[in-house]
Every structure is written in structure tokens, then in C-alpha cells.
Amino acid sequence: VAFGQALAIQNALCGDDHPETATARLNMGRVYVAKREFDDALDAMQTAVVIQLASFGKQHFMTAIAYSLLGSIHSMMENYEQAQTEHQRACEIREAVLGAKNKMTLLSKKKLQMAIDEETEEELEAPSS
């Protein structure tokens, strides 16, 4: 409830398309993840991505954070193909902005590989028809 109220205040002060509103939505998404309300988390994160793309463009570390969080939510929902897409986006941005050996870039690569491994494992465990 408190984050919802904070988001409403943020929207009133800065507007729906302000970068600080995107940050508030990212934080709200994290709260939804903690509550395991993944659909609400996805909605908050996707809205944040739209705001960040409009505010910062594609090649910005804040946009990469949002994509990474989206990827993590998709992994928790066992939607590994979409998780890979989001983690790949985060990885590409971080590599371009921060460099290939930056710890955040390496973390994105690790998360991408985990999503690939999880999808592969799921395919191996699926009964064949």
C-alpha cells in the first residue's frame, strides 16, 4: 500500500513519463516480486522500460537494469524464452555502455546463461510425445 501511495505522489509531482516515476515503478515491481505477484511485477517493470526508453534511450544503464529485472521475473514465471530475450537486451546494453569485463555485464551474461540452461533442462524433463 505504501509503495502504491508513493507512486501516486510521484506521478502527481513529476508526471507519468518522468525518469523518477520509472524508478518508482521499478521499486514497485520489486515489491510485487517479493509478494510473488508476478503479473503485477511485469506490468510495473514493462511500464518502467517504456518510460526509460523515452527518457534515456536504449543505450543507457538504467534501461539495462529494467530489462534485467524483467528477465528475472520471466525466469521466476518459468517463461525462459522471454527471460532470455530480456537478459540478452540487458547484456548488450551493459556491454556497450560499461564494457565486456564490467561486473554488471558479466552478471547479465550469467543470468542469460541461467535462463538458457533452465529452458534446456525443462525441455529435457518434458515427456516426449
Protein backbone atom coordinates (compact mmCIF):
# COMPACT_ATOMS: atom_id res chain seq x y z
CA VAL A 1 0.00 0.00 0.00
CA ALA A 2 2.80 2.44 0.92
CA PHE A 3 4.57 1.97 -2.44
CA GLY A 4 1.28 2.46 -4.25
CA GLN A 5 0.77 5.73 -2.40
CA ALA A 6 4.35 6.77 -3.10
CA LEU A 7 3.85 6.04 -6.78
CA ALA A 8 0.67 8.12 -6.84
CA ILE A 9 2.53 11.02 -5.22
CA GLN A 10 5.43 10.60 -7.65
CA ASN A 11 3.03 10.68 -10.60
CA ALA A 12 1.35 13.81 -9.24
CA LEU A 13 4.67 15.60 -8.71
CA CYS A 14 6.57 14.59 -11.84
CA GLY A 15 4.09 13.04 -14.23
CA ASP A 16 3.69 9.56 -15.65
CA ASP A 17 6.63 9.81 -18.03
CA HIS A 18 9.36 11.13 -15.71
CA PRO A 19 12.51 9.04 -15.03
CA GLU A 20 11.85 9.21 -11.28
CA THR A 21 8.43 7.69 -11.94
CA ALA A 22 10.17 4.87 -13.81
CA THR A 23 12.38 4.27 -10.77
CA ALA A 24 9.32 4.24 -8.52
CA ARG A 25 7.72 1.67 -10.83
CA LEU A 26 10.86 -0.48 -10.74
CA ASN A 27 10.75 -0.40 -6.95
CA MET A 28 7.05 -1.23 -7.02
CA GLY A 29 7.86 -4.16 -9.29
CA ARG A 30 10.42 -5.41 -6.77
CA VAL A 31 7.76 -5.29 -4.06
CA TYR A 32 5.40 -7.33 -6.25
CA VAL A 33 8.17 -9.86 -6.85
CA ALA A 34 8.74 -10.19 -3.10
CA LYS A 35 5.00 -10.82 -2.73
CA ARG A 36 5.19 -13.30 -5.65
CA GLU A 37 2.65 -11.23 -7.61
CA PHE A 38 4.46 -11.68 -10.89
CA ASP A 39 1.79 -10.33 -13.25
CA ASP A 40 1.71 -7.04 -11.33
CA ALA A 41 5.52 -7.02 -11.23
CA LEU A 42 5.68 -7.46 -15.00
CA ASP A 43 3.21 -4.64 -15.53
CA ALA A 44 5.22 -2.27 -13.33
CA MET A 45 8.53 -3.22 -14.96
CA GLN A 46 7.22 -3.01 -18.51
CA THR A 47 5.85 0.46 -17.83
CA ALA A 48 9.22 1.46 -16.37
CA VAL A 49 11.00 0.22 -19.51
CA VAL A 50 8.75 2.33 -21.73
CA ILE A 51 9.46 5.43 -19.62
CA GLN A 52 13.19 4.75 -19.53
CA LEU A 53 13.42 4.19 -23.27
CA ALA A 54 11.67 7.51 -23.84
CA SER A 55 13.80 9.29 -21.23
CA PHE A 56 17.25 7.78 -21.72
CA GLY A 57 17.16 5.82 -24.96
CA LYS A 58 18.13 2.20 -25.48
CA GLN A 59 21.83 2.52 -24.66
CA HIS A 60 21.57 3.54 -21.00
CA PHE A 61 22.44 1.60 -17.87
CA MET A 62 19.04 2.33 -16.29
CA THR A 63 17.31 0.74 -19.26
CA ALA A 64 19.56 -2.29 -18.84
CA ILE A 65 18.52 -2.60 -15.19
CA ALA A 66 14.86 -2.67 -16.18
CA TYR A 67 15.47 -5.31 -18.85
CA SER A 68 17.44 -7.41 -16.38
CA LEU A 69 14.65 -7.23 -13.83
CA LEU A 70 12.12 -8.17 -16.49
CA GLY A 71 14.27 -11.16 -17.40
CA SER A 72 14.43 -12.27 -13.78
CA ILE A 73 10.65 -12.05 -13.42
CA HIS A 74 10.15 -14.10 -16.58
CA SER A 75 12.56 -16.71 -15.19
CA MET A 76 10.58 -16.89 -11.95
CA MET A 77 7.44 -17.40 -14.04
CA GLU A 78 9.27 -20.17 -15.94
CA ASN A 79 8.93 -18.22 -19.17
CA TYR A 80 12.53 -18.88 -20.11
CA GLU A 81 12.38 -17.83 -23.76
CA GLN A 82 11.21 -14.33 -22.82
CA ALA A 83 13.71 -14.28 -19.94
CA GLN A 84 16.48 -14.91 -22.45
CA THR A 85 15.26 -12.06 -24.65
CA GLU A 86 15.24 -9.59 -21.77
CA HIS A 87 18.59 -10.72 -20.36
CA GLN A 88 20.10 -10.53 -23.86
CA ARG A 89 18.90 -6.92 -24.16
CA ALA A 90 20.38 -6.06 -20.77
CA CYS A 91 23.64 -7.78 -21.66
CA GLU A 92 24.00 -5.95 -24.97
CA ILE A 93 23.36 -2.57 -23.38
CA ARG A 94 25.70 -3.19 -20.48
CA GLU A 95 28.46 -4.41 -22.75
CA ALA A 96 28.10 -1.33 -24.97
CA VAL A 97 27.89 1.10 -22.07
CA LEU A 98 30.05 -0.49 -19.39
CA GLY A 99 32.36 -2.82 -21.31
CA ALA A 100 32.60 -6.58 -21.67
CA LYS A 101 34.51 -7.15 -18.43
CA ASN A 102 32.38 -4.98 -16.16
CA LYS A 103 30.85 -6.94 -13.27
CA MET A 104 27.30 -5.89 -14.24
CA THR A 105 27.88 -7.07 -17.82
CA LEU A 106 29.22 -10.37 -16.52
CA LEU A 107 26.19 -10.70 -14.24
CA SER A 108 23.90 -10.16 -17.25
CA LYS A 109 25.77 -12.86 -19.16
CA LYS A 110 25.41 -15.22 -16.20
CA LYS A 111 21.65 -14.55 -15.95
CA LEU A 112 21.28 -15.11 -19.69
CA GLN A 113 23.11 -18.41 -19.46
CA MET A 114 20.97 -19.46 -16.50
CA ALA A 115 17.78 -18.78 -18.50
CA ILE A 116 19.17 -20.84 -21.38
CA ASP A 117 20.11 -23.67 -19.01
CA GLU A 118 16.70 -23.60 -17.32
CA GLU A 119 14.90 -23.81 -20.67
CA THR A 120 17.15 -26.68 -21.78
CA GLU A 121 16.54 -28.53 -18.52
CA GLU A 122 12.79 -28.03 -18.86
CA GLU A 123 12.89 -29.41 -22.41
CA LEU A 124 14.88 -32.45 -21.28
CA GLU A 125 12.41 -33.16 -18.47
CA ALA A 126 9.33 -32.79 -20.68
CA PRO A 127 7.71 -36.08 -21.65
CA SER A 128 8.21 -36.89 -25.30
CA SER A 129 5.11 -37.41 -27.40
